[in-house]
Amino acid sequence: MADIRTASGERREMVLPGGVKAMLASDTSLSLVAKQGVSGVAIHHGEAWFDHRVAGTNFFVAATGGATWSEGGRFDVANYAGTTTVIAEQNGLVLRAGGTMKPVQAGQEVRYGDGWVSDPRKVNVGNALAWRNGQLVFIGERLDDVVNILERWQDGKIVILGDALKSRKVTIVVDLDRSRHVLDALSTVLSIKVDQFTDYLTVVRAA
């Protein structure tokens, strides 16, 4: 029942009612909502970046039972598998979730879910939001975490066989227009074998 959707692999820029600019990531669905007389959006699934620089207005993004409130600035909200990640790029935010209010300063990330909220931590904003420029940046990330993010940008399932392989560290910059070729590029570096059985199933195992 979402008002706005993006397809797998799509990025879309738009201006929301009230003048807030937004960029939606792949496979994202959201609805236009209002709370306490303030306009906002609810992210049902996916990720969106917001440029809220409308003078004299507040704006919020709801997800996973919580809400991120902005008085002006740039920030990103991602909602995947019951966990919401909030990144403040410019200016601070206030997160209301789990019965608490938590400030999020520029350059910080906070995650929350049903009944829990993490402490803010510093994050490399440029790397975390590189998808806006058509890239994914991984610096020493686990292979299974890399695969989880790759799946957001393409159709189908990627299955990794073996816990040891899942934990191997990966450092790579991915061009989103060529994301399907990433695992092949990693096959020599990580000594892995990549078998694509259909357009919707890829299996990765140790070579």
N, C-alpha and C. Protein backbone atom coordinates (compact mmCIF):
# COMPACT_ATOMS: atom_id res chain seq x y z
N MET A 1 0.82 -1.21 0.00
CA MET A 1 0.00 0.00 0.00
C MET A 1 0.85 1.26 0.00
N ALA A 2 2.11 1.15 -0.41
CA ALA A 2 3.02 2.30 -0.39
C ALA A 2 2.63 3.32 -1.45
N ASP A 3 2.93 4.59 -1.17
CA ASP A 3 2.67 5.66 -2.13
C ASP A 3 3.75 5.72 -3.21
N ILE A 4 5.00 5.37 -2.85
CA ILE A 4 6.13 5.50 -3.76
C ILE A 4 6.98 4.23 -3.67
N ARG A 5 7.41 3.73 -4.83
CA ARG A 5 8.24 2.53 -4.86
C ARG A 5 9.36 2.71 -5.89
N THR A 6 10.46 2.01 -5.66
CA THR A 6 11.49 1.87 -6.68
C THR A 6 11.67 0.39 -6.99
N ALA A 7 12.06 0.10 -8.22
CA ALA A 7 12.31 -1.27 -8.63
C ALA A 7 13.70 -1.72 -8.22
N SER A 8 13.96 -3.00 -8.33
CA SER A 8 15.28 -3.54 -8.02
C SER A 8 16.32 -2.91 -8.93
N GLY A 9 17.38 -2.36 -8.33
CA GLY A 9 18.45 -1.72 -9.08
C GLY A 9 18.22 -0.26 -9.41
N GLU A 10 17.04 0.25 -9.08
CA GLU A 10 16.70 1.64 -9.43
C GLU A 10 17.06 2.61 -8.32
N ARG A 11 17.50 3.81 -8.72
CA ARG A 11 17.62 4.95 -7.82
C ARG A 11 16.74 6.05 -8.36
N ARG A 12 16.03 6.74 -7.48
CA ARG A 12 15.11 7.77 -7.96
C ARG A 12 15.20 9.01 -7.08
N GLU A 13 15.34 10.17 -7.72
CA GLU A 13 15.32 11.45 -7.03
C GLU A 13 13.94 12.09 -7.16
N MET A 14 13.50 12.77 -6.10
CA MET A 14 12.20 13.42 -6.15
C MET A 14 12.14 14.52 -5.11
N VAL A 15 11.13 15.36 -5.23
CA VAL A 15 10.84 16.37 -4.23
C VAL A 15 9.51 16.01 -3.58
N LEU A 16 9.53 15.82 -2.27
CA LEU A 16 8.34 15.43 -1.53
C LEU A 16 7.46 16.65 -1.29
N PRO A 17 6.18 16.42 -1.00
CA PRO A 17 5.32 17.54 -0.63
C PRO A 17 5.92 18.32 0.53
N GLY A 18 5.98 19.63 0.42
CA GLY A 18 6.62 20.45 1.43
C GLY A 18 8.02 20.88 1.04
N GLY A 19 8.56 20.29 -0.05
CA GLY A 19 9.84 20.75 -0.57
C GLY A 19 11.05 19.96 -0.15
N VAL A 20 10.91 18.90 0.65
CA VAL A 20 12.06 18.08 1.05
C VAL A 20 12.50 17.23 -0.14
N LYS A 21 13.80 17.29 -0.46
CA LYS A 21 14.34 16.47 -1.54
C LYS A 21 14.67 15.07 -1.01
N ALA A 22 14.49 14.07 -1.85
CA ALA A 22 14.76 12.70 -1.44
C ALA A 22 15.38 11.93 -2.59
N MET A 23 16.22 10.95 -2.24
CA MET A 23 16.71 9.97 -3.20
C MET A 23 16.43 8.59 -2.63
N LEU A 24 15.72 7.77 -3.39
CA LEU A 24 15.37 6.44 -2.95
C LEU A 24 16.33 5.43 -3.55
N ALA A 25 16.74 4.47 -2.73
CA ALA A 25 17.61 3.39 -3.18
C ALA A 25 16.78 2.29 -3.83
N SER A 26 17.45 1.26 -4.27
CA SER A 26 16.81 0.11 -4.91
C SER A 26 15.76 -0.54 -4.02
N ASP A 27 14.68 -1.01 -4.63
CA ASP A 27 13.66 -1.82 -3.96
C ASP A 27 13.20 -1.18 -2.66
N THR A 28 12.80 0.08 -2.75
CA THR A 28 12.35 0.84 -1.58
C THR A 28 10.88 1.18 -1.73
N SER A 29 10.16 1.11 -0.62
CA SER A 29 8.75 1.50 -0.61
C SER A 29 8.50 2.40 0.59
N LEU A 30 7.78 3.50 0.35
CA LEU A 30 7.47 4.43 1.43
C LEU A 30 6.12 5.08 1.19
N SER A 31 5.57 5.63 2.25
CA SER A 31 4.29 6.32 2.20
C SER A 31 4.42 7.72 2.78
N LEU A 32 3.61 8.62 2.28
CA LEU A 32 3.54 9.98 2.82
C LEU A 32 2.62 9.98 4.02
N VAL A 33 3.11 10.51 5.15
CA VAL A 33 2.34 10.48 6.40
C VAL A 33 2.45 11.84 7.09
N ALA A 34 1.71 12.00 8.17
CA ALA A 34 1.78 13.21 8.98
C ALA A 34 1.60 12.82 10.44
N LYS A 35 2.23 13.58 11.33
CA LYS A 35 2.15 13.32 12.77
C LYS A 35 2.29 14.65 13.49
N GLN A 36 1.38 14.91 14.41
CA GLN A 36 1.42 16.15 15.19
C GLN A 36 1.50 17.38 14.29
N GLY A 37 0.81 17.31 13.15
CA GLY A 37 0.80 18.43 12.21
C GLY A 37 2.05 18.58 11.39
N VAL A 38 2.97 17.61 11.47
CA VAL A 38 4.23 17.67 10.73
C VAL A 38 4.21 16.63 9.61
N SER A 39 4.64 17.02 8.43
CA SER A 39 4.70 16.10 7.30
C SER A 39 5.93 15.21 7.40
N GLY A 40 5.78 13.97 6.94
CA GLY A 40 6.90 13.06 6.95
C GLY A 40 6.64 11.89 6.02
N VAL A 41 7.48 10.87 6.13
CA VAL A 41 7.30 9.64 5.35
C VAL A 41 7.49 8.45 6.27
N ALA A 42 6.92 7.32 5.89
CA ALA A 42 7.15 6.05 6.57
C ALA A 42 7.83 5.11 5.58
N ILE A 43 8.99 4.61 5.94
CA ILE A 43 9.72 3.68 5.08
C ILE A 43 9.31 2.26 5.47
N HIS A 44 8.63 1.58 4.55
CA HIS A 44 8.21 0.20 4.82
C HIS A 44 9.35 -0.78 4.60
N HIS A 45 10.16 -0.49 3.59
CA HIS A 45 11.30 -1.35 3.27
C HIS A 45 12.25 -0.56 2.39
N GLY A 46 13.55 -0.73 2.63
CA GLY A 46 14.53 -0.08 1.77
C GLY A 46 15.24 1.08 2.43
N GLU A 47 15.73 2.00 1.60
CA GLU A 47 16.58 3.08 2.09
C GLU A 47 16.31 4.36 1.32
N ALA A 48 16.40 5.49 2.01
CA ALA A 48 16.22 6.78 1.34
C ALA A 48 17.08 7.83 2.03
N TRP A 49 17.58 8.75 1.22
CA TRP A 49 18.37 9.89 1.70
C TRP A 49 17.53 11.14 1.54
N PHE A 50 17.63 12.04 2.53
CA PHE A 50 16.77 13.22 2.54
C PHE A 50 17.61 14.49 2.69
N ASP A 51 17.23 15.50 1.93
CA ASP A 51 17.82 16.83 2.02
C ASP A 51 16.71 17.76 2.50
N HIS A 52 16.71 18.01 3.83
CA HIS A 52 15.64 18.80 4.45
C HIS A 52 16.20 20.18 4.79
N ARG A 53 16.01 21.10 3.87
CA ARG A 53 16.50 22.45 4.10
C ARG A 53 15.40 23.46 3.78
N VAL A 54 14.20 23.14 4.25
CA VAL A 54 13.06 24.03 4.06
C VAL A 54 12.93 24.88 5.32
N ALA A 55 13.12 26.16 5.20
CA ALA A 55 13.17 27.06 6.37
C ALA A 55 11.89 26.98 7.19
N GLY A 56 12.08 26.88 8.51
CA GLY A 56 10.95 26.94 9.43
C GLY A 56 10.08 25.71 9.49
N THR A 57 10.57 24.58 9.00
CA THR A 57 9.77 23.36 9.01
C THR A 57 10.50 22.23 9.71
N ASN A 58 9.72 21.30 10.26
CA ASN A 58 10.25 20.04 10.75
C ASN A 58 9.85 18.94 9.78
N PHE A 59 10.52 17.80 9.91
CA PHE A 59 10.27 16.66 9.01
C PHE A 59 10.65 15.40 9.77
N PHE A 60 9.93 14.30 9.51
CA PHE A 60 10.27 13.05 10.20
C PHE A 60 10.18 11.87 9.25
N VAL A 61 10.92 10.82 9.61
CA VAL A 61 10.90 9.56 8.86
C VAL A 61 10.60 8.45 9.85
N ALA A 62 9.47 7.77 9.67
CA ALA A 62 9.07 6.67 10.55
C ALA A 62 9.50 5.33 9.96
N ALA A 63 9.90 4.41 10.85
CA ALA A 63 10.28 3.06 10.44
C ALA A 63 10.42 2.19 11.68
N THR A 64 10.00 0.95 11.59
CA THR A 64 10.20 -0.04 12.65
C THR A 64 9.70 0.45 14.01
N GLY A 65 8.60 1.15 14.03
CA GLY A 65 8.02 1.59 15.30
C GLY A 65 8.67 2.82 15.90
N GLY A 66 9.63 3.42 15.23
CA GLY A 66 10.29 4.63 15.72
C GLY A 66 10.20 5.73 14.69
N ALA A 67 10.77 6.89 15.01
CA ALA A 67 10.76 8.01 14.07
C ALA A 67 12.00 8.86 14.26
N THR A 68 12.56 9.31 13.14
CA THR A 68 13.71 10.20 13.12
C THR A 68 13.22 11.60 12.77
N TRP A 69 13.54 12.58 13.64
CA TRP A 69 13.04 13.94 13.47
C TRP A 69 14.17 14.88 13.08
N SER A 70 13.88 15.73 12.10
CA SER A 70 14.87 16.68 11.59
C SER A 70 14.30 18.09 11.66
N GLU A 71 15.17 19.02 12.06
CA GLU A 71 14.84 20.44 12.00
C GLU A 71 15.53 21.12 10.82
N GLY A 72 16.24 20.32 10.02
CA GLY A 72 16.92 20.85 8.85
C GLY A 72 18.29 20.23 8.70
N GLY A 73 18.56 19.62 7.55
CA GLY A 73 19.84 18.98 7.32
C GLY A 73 19.72 17.84 6.34
N ARG A 74 20.79 17.07 6.22
CA ARG A 74 20.80 15.92 5.32
C ARG A 74 21.00 14.65 6.14
N PHE A 75 20.24 13.62 5.82
CA PHE A 75 20.34 12.37 6.57
C PHE A 75 19.80 11.21 5.75
N ASP A 76 20.08 10.00 6.23
CA ASP A 76 19.71 8.77 5.52
C ASP A 76 19.04 7.82 6.51
N VAL A 77 18.00 7.13 6.05
CA VAL A 77 17.32 6.13 6.87
C VAL A 77 17.15 4.86 6.04
N ALA A 78 17.57 3.73 6.59
CA ALA A 78 17.44 2.43 5.92
C ALA A 78 16.68 1.47 6.83
N ASN A 79 15.74 0.74 6.26
CA ASN A 79 14.91 -0.20 7.01
C ASN A 79 14.98 -1.56 6.32
N TYR A 80 15.71 -2.49 6.93
CA TYR A 80 15.85 -3.84 6.37
C TYR A 80 15.69 -4.87 7.48
N ALA A 81 14.84 -5.85 7.25
CA ALA A 81 14.69 -7.02 8.12
C ALA A 81 14.49 -6.63 9.59
N GLY A 82 13.67 -5.61 9.83
CA GLY A 82 13.34 -5.24 11.20
C GLY A 82 14.37 -4.38 11.91
N THR A 83 15.43 -3.99 11.21
CA THR A 83 16.45 -3.10 11.79
C THR A 83 16.51 -1.82 10.97
N THR A 84 16.43 -0.69 11.65
CA THR A 84 16.51 0.61 10.98
C THR A 84 17.84 1.27 11.32
N THR A 85 18.52 1.80 10.31
CA THR A 85 19.79 2.48 10.47
C THR A 85 19.61 3.94 10.08
N VAL A 86 20.01 4.83 10.98
CA VAL A 86 19.88 6.28 10.76
C VAL A 86 21.28 6.87 10.70
N ILE A 87 21.58 7.64 9.66
CA ILE A 87 22.87 8.31 9.52
C ILE A 87 22.63 9.80 9.36
N ALA A 88 23.22 10.60 10.24
CA ALA A 88 23.14 12.06 10.13
C ALA A 88 24.34 12.54 9.32
N GLU A 89 24.08 13.09 8.14
CA GLU A 89 25.17 13.58 7.30
C GLU A 89 25.50 15.04 7.62
N GLN A 90 24.48 15.86 7.70
CA GLN A 90 24.67 17.29 8.00
C GLN A 90 23.63 17.72 9.02
N ASN A 91 24.07 18.29 10.12
CA ASN A 91 23.21 18.71 11.24
C ASN A 91 22.69 17.48 11.99
N GLY A 92 22.25 17.73 13.21
CA GLY A 92 21.84 16.65 14.07
C GLY A 92 20.39 16.25 13.87
N LEU A 93 20.03 15.10 14.47
CA LEU A 93 18.69 14.55 14.42
C LEU A 93 18.27 14.15 15.82
N VAL A 94 16.99 13.88 16.00
CA VAL A 94 16.49 13.30 17.24
C VAL A 94 15.75 12.03 16.89
N LEU A 95 16.18 10.92 17.48
CA LEU A 95 15.53 9.63 17.26
C LEU A 95 14.60 9.33 18.42
N ARG A 96 13.37 9.03 18.11
CA ARG A 96 12.40 8.62 19.11
C ARG A 96 12.01 7.17 18.82
N ALA A 97 12.50 6.27 19.67
CA ALA A 97 12.27 4.85 19.46
C ALA A 97 12.46 4.12 20.78
N GLY A 98 11.73 3.03 20.95
CA GLY A 98 11.88 2.22 22.16
C GLY A 98 11.59 2.97 23.43
N GLY A 99 10.72 3.98 23.36
CA GLY A 99 10.36 4.75 24.54
C GLY A 99 11.41 5.75 24.97
N THR A 100 12.41 6.00 24.12
CA THR A 100 13.48 6.93 24.47
C THR A 100 13.65 7.98 23.37
N MET A 101 14.33 9.06 23.71
CA MET A 101 14.74 10.07 22.74
C MET A 101 16.26 10.11 22.74
N LYS A 102 16.85 10.01 21.57
CA LYS A 102 18.31 9.97 21.50
C LYS A 102 18.79 10.93 20.42
N PRO A 103 19.68 11.87 20.76
CA PRO A 103 20.23 12.76 19.73
C PRO A 103 21.26 12.02 18.88
N VAL A 104 21.27 12.35 17.60
CA VAL A 104 22.24 11.79 16.66
C VAL A 104 22.96 12.96 16.01
N GLN A 105 24.25 13.07 16.26
CA GLN A 105 25.02 14.19 15.75
C GLN A 105 25.50 13.92 14.32
N ALA A 106 25.85 14.97 13.61
CA ALA A 106 26.38 14.83 12.26
C ALA A 106 27.60 13.91 12.26
N GLY A 107 27.64 12.97 11.32
CA GLY A 107 28.73 12.01 11.26
C GLY A 107 28.51 10.78 12.11
N GLN A 108 27.34 10.65 12.70
CA GLN A 108 27.04 9.49 13.55
C GLN A 108 25.96 8.60 12.93
N GLU A 109 25.96 7.36 13.38
CA GLU A 109 24.98 6.36 12.97
C GLU A 109 24.34 5.74 14.20
N VAL A 110 23.05 5.50 14.14
CA VAL A 110 22.32 4.80 15.19
C VAL A 110 21.46 3.73 14.55
N ARG A 111 21.38 2.57 15.18
CA ARG A 111 20.50 1.50 14.71
C ARG A 111 19.46 1.20 15.79
N TYR A 112 18.28 0.80 15.35
CA TYR A 112 17.26 0.43 16.32
C TYR A 112 16.30 -0.59 15.71
N GLY A 113 15.60 -1.28 16.61
CA GLY A 113 14.59 -2.25 16.21
C GLY A 113 13.50 -2.30 17.24
N ASP A 114 12.78 -3.37 17.28
CA ASP A 114 11.65 -3.51 18.19
C ASP A 114 12.16 -3.60 19.63
N GLY A 115 12.06 -2.51 20.39
CA GLY A 115 12.41 -2.51 21.80
C GLY A 115 13.87 -2.25 22.11
N TRP A 116 14.69 -1.91 21.12
CA TRP A 116 16.10 -1.64 21.39
C TRP A 116 16.61 -0.50 20.52
N VAL A 117 17.61 0.21 21.06
CA VAL A 117 18.26 1.31 20.35
C VAL A 117 19.75 1.25 20.66
N SER A 118 20.59 1.30 19.64
CA SER A 118 22.04 1.27 19.86
C SER A 118 22.54 2.64 20.30
N ASP A 119 23.76 2.68 20.80
CA ASP A 119 24.40 3.96 21.07
C ASP A 119 24.91 4.55 19.75
N PRO A 120 24.94 5.86 19.63
CA PRO A 120 25.49 6.47 18.41
C PRO A 120 26.96 6.10 18.24
N ARG A 121 27.37 5.95 17.02
CA ARG A 121 28.79 5.68 16.72
C ARG A 121 29.19 6.45 15.47
N LYS A 122 30.48 6.80 15.41
CA LYS A 122 30.98 7.52 14.25
C LYS A 122 30.97 6.59 13.04
N VAL A 123 30.71 7.18 11.88
CA VAL A 123 30.66 6.40 10.65
C VAL A 123 31.28 7.22 9.53
N ASN A 124 31.88 6.53 8.57
CA ASN A 124 32.39 7.20 7.37
C ASN A 124 31.19 7.47 6.47
N VAL A 125 30.66 8.68 6.53
CA VAL A 125 29.42 9.00 5.82
C VAL A 125 29.60 8.83 4.31
N GLY A 126 30.75 9.24 3.78
CA GLY A 126 30.98 9.13 2.35
C GLY A 126 30.89 7.70 1.86
N ASN A 127 31.48 6.76 2.62
CA ASN A 127 31.42 5.35 2.23
C ASN A 127 30.01 4.79 2.42
N ALA A 128 29.39 5.13 3.54
CA ALA A 128 28.08 4.57 3.85
C ALA A 128 27.01 5.01 2.85
N LEU A 129 27.16 6.23 2.32
CA LEU A 129 26.14 6.77 1.40
C LEU A 129 26.64 6.84 -0.04
N ALA A 130 27.66 6.04 -0.35
CA ALA A 130 28.21 6.06 -1.71
C ALA A 130 27.21 5.57 -2.75
N TRP A 131 26.19 4.85 -2.33
CA TRP A 131 25.17 4.36 -3.28
C TRP A 131 24.52 5.52 -4.03
N ARG A 132 24.47 6.71 -3.40
CA ARG A 132 23.87 7.85 -4.08
C ARG A 132 24.64 8.23 -5.34
N ASN A 133 25.93 7.90 -5.37
CA ASN A 133 26.79 8.21 -6.52
C ASN A 133 27.05 6.98 -7.39
N GLY A 134 26.23 5.94 -7.19
CA GLY A 134 26.34 4.75 -8.03
C GLY A 134 27.41 3.77 -7.61
N GLN A 135 27.82 3.81 -6.33
CA GLN A 135 28.85 2.90 -5.85
C GLN A 135 28.46 2.28 -4.51
N LEU A 136 29.08 1.15 -4.22
CA LEU A 136 29.05 0.56 -2.88
C LEU A 136 30.50 0.41 -2.44
N VAL A 137 30.81 0.86 -1.24
CA VAL A 137 32.20 0.83 -0.75
C VAL A 137 32.27 -0.09 0.45
N PHE A 138 33.14 -1.10 0.36
CA PHE A 138 33.34 -2.05 1.45
C PHE A 138 34.81 -2.03 1.85
N ILE A 139 35.06 -1.76 3.13
CA ILE A 139 36.42 -1.72 3.66
C ILE A 139 36.52 -2.74 4.79
N GLY A 140 37.12 -3.89 4.49
CA GLY A 140 37.29 -4.93 5.50
C GLY A 140 35.99 -5.49 6.03
N GLU A 141 34.98 -5.62 5.17
CA GLU A 141 33.68 -6.14 5.60
C GLU A 141 33.60 -7.64 5.39
N ARG A 142 32.80 -8.31 6.21
CA ARG A 142 32.57 -9.74 6.05
C ARG A 142 31.87 -10.01 4.71
N LEU A 143 32.21 -11.16 4.11
CA LEU A 143 31.63 -11.50 2.82
C LEU A 143 30.12 -11.62 2.91
N ASP A 144 29.60 -12.19 4.00
CA ASP A 144 28.14 -12.33 4.09
C ASP A 144 27.45 -10.97 4.21
N ASP A 145 28.10 -9.99 4.86
CA ASP A 145 27.53 -8.65 4.92
C ASP A 145 27.55 -7.99 3.54
N VAL A 146 28.63 -8.21 2.80
CA VAL A 146 28.72 -7.68 1.44
C VAL A 146 27.61 -8.26 0.57
N VAL A 147 27.41 -9.56 0.68
CA VAL A 147 26.38 -10.23 -0.12
C VAL A 147 24.98 -9.72 0.24
N ASN A 148 24.73 -9.51 1.53
CA ASN A 148 23.42 -9.00 1.94
C ASN A 148 23.11 -7.66 1.28
N ILE A 149 24.13 -6.81 1.16
CA ILE A 149 23.92 -5.50 0.53
C ILE A 149 23.80 -5.63 -0.98
N LEU A 150 24.61 -6.50 -1.58
CA LEU A 150 24.49 -6.72 -3.02
C LEU A 150 23.09 -7.19 -3.40
N GLU A 151 22.48 -8.02 -2.56
CA GLU A 151 21.15 -8.54 -2.85
C GLU A 151 20.10 -7.43 -2.89
N ARG A 152 20.36 -6.33 -2.23
CA ARG A 152 19.41 -5.22 -2.26
C ARG A 152 19.36 -4.55 -3.62
N TRP A 153 20.40 -4.73 -4.41
CA TRP A 153 20.53 -4.01 -5.68
C TRP A 153 20.34 -4.90 -6.89
N GLN A 154 19.93 -6.13 -6.70
CA GLN A 154 19.70 -7.03 -7.84
C GLN A 154 18.68 -8.08 -7.47
N ASP A 155 18.04 -8.64 -8.47
CA ASP A 155 17.08 -9.72 -8.23
C ASP A 155 17.81 -11.01 -7.89
N GLY A 156 17.14 -11.86 -7.15
CA GLY A 156 17.68 -13.18 -6.87
C GLY A 156 18.35 -13.30 -5.52
N LYS A 157 18.74 -14.54 -5.19
CA LYS A 157 19.34 -14.88 -3.90
C LYS A 157 20.77 -15.35 -4.11
N ILE A 158 21.67 -14.90 -3.21
CA ILE A 158 23.06 -15.35 -3.21
C ILE A 158 23.28 -16.16 -1.95
N VAL A 159 23.66 -17.41 -2.10
CA VAL A 159 23.86 -18.32 -0.97
C VAL A 159 25.34 -18.60 -0.80
N ILE A 160 25.87 -18.40 0.42
CA ILE A 160 27.27 -18.69 0.74
C ILE A 160 27.31 -19.98 1.55
N LEU A 161 28.11 -20.92 1.12
CA LEU A 161 28.23 -22.21 1.81
C LEU A 161 29.45 -22.19 2.73
N GLY A 162 29.20 -22.35 4.04
CA GLY A 162 30.30 -22.44 5.00
C GLY A 162 30.49 -21.19 5.81
N ASP A 163 30.54 -21.34 7.15
CA ASP A 163 30.70 -20.19 8.04
C ASP A 163 32.05 -19.51 7.86
N ALA A 164 33.09 -20.30 7.60
CA ALA A 164 34.43 -19.72 7.44
C ALA A 164 34.46 -18.79 6.23
N LEU A 165 33.78 -19.20 5.16
CA LEU A 165 33.76 -18.36 3.96
C LEU A 165 32.94 -17.10 4.21
N LYS A 166 31.87 -17.21 4.94
CA LYS A 166 31.03 -16.04 5.23
C LYS A 166 31.81 -14.96 5.96
N SER A 167 32.78 -15.35 6.79
CA SER A 167 33.50 -14.39 7.63
C SER A 167 34.74 -13.80 6.95
N ARG A 168 35.06 -14.22 5.74
CA ARG A 168 36.23 -13.67 5.05
C ARG A 168 36.03 -12.17 4.80
N LYS A 169 37.11 -11.41 4.95
CA LYS A 169 37.03 -9.96 4.84
C LYS A 169 37.18 -9.51 3.38
N VAL A 170 36.41 -8.49 3.04
CA VAL A 170 36.38 -8.00 1.66
C VAL A 170 36.61 -6.48 1.66
N THR A 171 37.50 -6.03 0.78
CA THR A 171 37.68 -4.60 0.53
C THR A 171 37.54 -4.38 -0.97
N ILE A 172 36.50 -3.64 -1.35
CA ILE A 172 36.23 -3.46 -2.77
C ILE A 172 35.28 -2.28 -2.96
N VAL A 173 35.41 -1.61 -4.10
CA VAL A 173 34.46 -0.58 -4.50
C VAL A 173 33.65 -1.13 -5.67
N VAL A 174 32.33 -1.14 -5.52
CA VAL A 174 31.44 -1.75 -6.50
C VAL A 174 30.74 -0.67 -7.32
N ASP A 175 30.79 -0.81 -8.63
CA ASP A 175 29.99 0.02 -9.53
C ASP A 175 28.60 -0.61 -9.61
N LEU A 176 27.57 0.11 -9.18
CA LEU A 176 26.22 -0.47 -9.14
C LEU A 176 25.74 -0.93 -10.50
N ASP A 177 26.22 -0.33 -11.57
CA ASP A 177 25.81 -0.76 -12.90
C ASP A 177 26.44 -2.09 -13.29
N ARG A 178 27.43 -2.54 -12.51
CA ARG A 178 28.11 -3.81 -12.80
C ARG A 178 28.12 -4.72 -11.58
N SER A 179 27.14 -4.56 -10.71
CA SER A 179 27.15 -5.29 -9.43
C SER A 179 27.08 -6.80 -9.60
N ARG A 180 26.49 -7.27 -10.69
CA ARG A 180 26.38 -8.71 -10.90
C ARG A 180 27.73 -9.37 -11.19
N HIS A 181 28.75 -8.57 -11.51
CA HIS A 181 30.06 -9.13 -11.84
C HIS A 181 31.02 -9.09 -10.65
N VAL A 182 30.54 -8.61 -9.50
CA VAL A 182 31.43 -8.44 -8.34
C VAL A 182 31.97 -9.77 -7.84
N LEU A 183 31.11 -10.75 -7.68
CA LEU A 183 31.56 -12.03 -7.14
C LEU A 183 32.56 -12.70 -8.06
N ASP A 184 32.37 -12.58 -9.36
CA ASP A 184 33.36 -13.13 -10.30
C ASP A 184 34.70 -12.43 -10.13
N ALA A 185 34.68 -11.13 -9.90
CA ALA A 185 35.92 -10.38 -9.70
C ALA A 185 36.63 -10.81 -8.42
N LEU A 186 35.85 -11.21 -7.41
CA LEU A 186 36.43 -11.63 -6.13
C LEU A 186 36.87 -13.09 -6.12
N SER A 187 36.52 -13.84 -7.14
CA SER A 187 36.75 -15.29 -7.10
C SER A 187 38.23 -15.64 -6.94
N THR A 188 39.12 -14.91 -7.61
CA THR A 188 40.55 -15.20 -7.50
C THR A 188 41.12 -14.68 -6.19
N VAL A 189 40.73 -13.48 -5.81
CA VAL A 189 41.26 -12.87 -4.59
C VAL A 189 40.89 -13.68 -3.36
N LEU A 190 39.65 -14.16 -3.30
CA LEU A 190 39.17 -14.87 -2.11
C LEU A 190 39.21 -16.39 -2.25
N SER A 191 39.66 -16.87 -3.41
CA SER A 191 39.67 -18.32 -3.69
C SER A 191 38.28 -18.91 -3.49
N ILE A 192 37.33 -18.34 -4.21
CA ILE A 192 35.95 -18.83 -4.14
C ILE A 192 35.50 -19.28 -5.52
N LYS A 193 34.48 -20.13 -5.53
CA LYS A 193 33.86 -20.59 -6.76
C LYS A 193 32.43 -20.05 -6.79
N VAL A 194 32.05 -19.45 -7.90
CA VAL A 194 30.73 -18.85 -8.02
C VAL A 194 29.95 -19.61 -9.08
N ASP A 195 28.85 -20.22 -8.68
CA ASP A 195 27.98 -20.96 -9.59
C ASP A 195 26.63 -20.26 -9.67
N GLN A 196 26.25 -19.87 -10.88
CA GLN A 196 24.94 -19.24 -11.09
C GLN A 196 24.04 -20.26 -11.76
N PHE A 197 23.06 -20.75 -11.01
CA PHE A 197 22.18 -21.81 -11.50
C PHE A 197 21.03 -21.25 -12.32
N THR A 198 20.51 -20.11 -11.89
CA THR A 198 19.47 -19.41 -12.65
C THR A 198 19.73 -17.92 -12.47
N ASP A 199 18.88 -17.09 -13.08
CA ASP A 199 19.00 -15.65 -12.88
C ASP A 199 18.68 -15.26 -11.45
N TYR A 200 18.11 -16.20 -10.69
CA TYR A 200 17.64 -15.87 -9.34
C TYR A 200 18.35 -16.66 -8.25
N LEU A 201 19.35 -17.46 -8.59
CA LEU A 201 20.08 -18.21 -7.56
C LEU A 201 21.55 -18.31 -7.93
N THR A 202 22.40 -17.77 -7.03
CA THR A 202 23.84 -17.86 -7.16
C THR A 202 24.39 -18.49 -5.89
N VAL A 203 25.28 -19.48 -6.04
CA VAL A 203 25.87 -20.17 -4.90
C VAL A 203 27.37 -19.91 -4.88
N VAL A 204 27.86 -19.48 -3.71
CA VAL A 204 29.28 -19.20 -3.53
C VAL A 204 29.87 -20.23 -2.56
N ARG A 205 30.98 -20.84 -2.95
CA ARG A 205 31.64 -21.83 -2.09
C ARG A 205 33.14 -21.66 -2.22
N ALA A 206 33.86 -22.29 -1.28
CA ALA A 206 35.32 -22.24 -1.33
C ALA A 206 35.81 -23.00 -2.55
N ALA A 207 36.85 -22.45 -3.18
CA ALA A 207 37.40 -23.09 -4.39
C ALA A 207 38.17 -24.36 -4.03
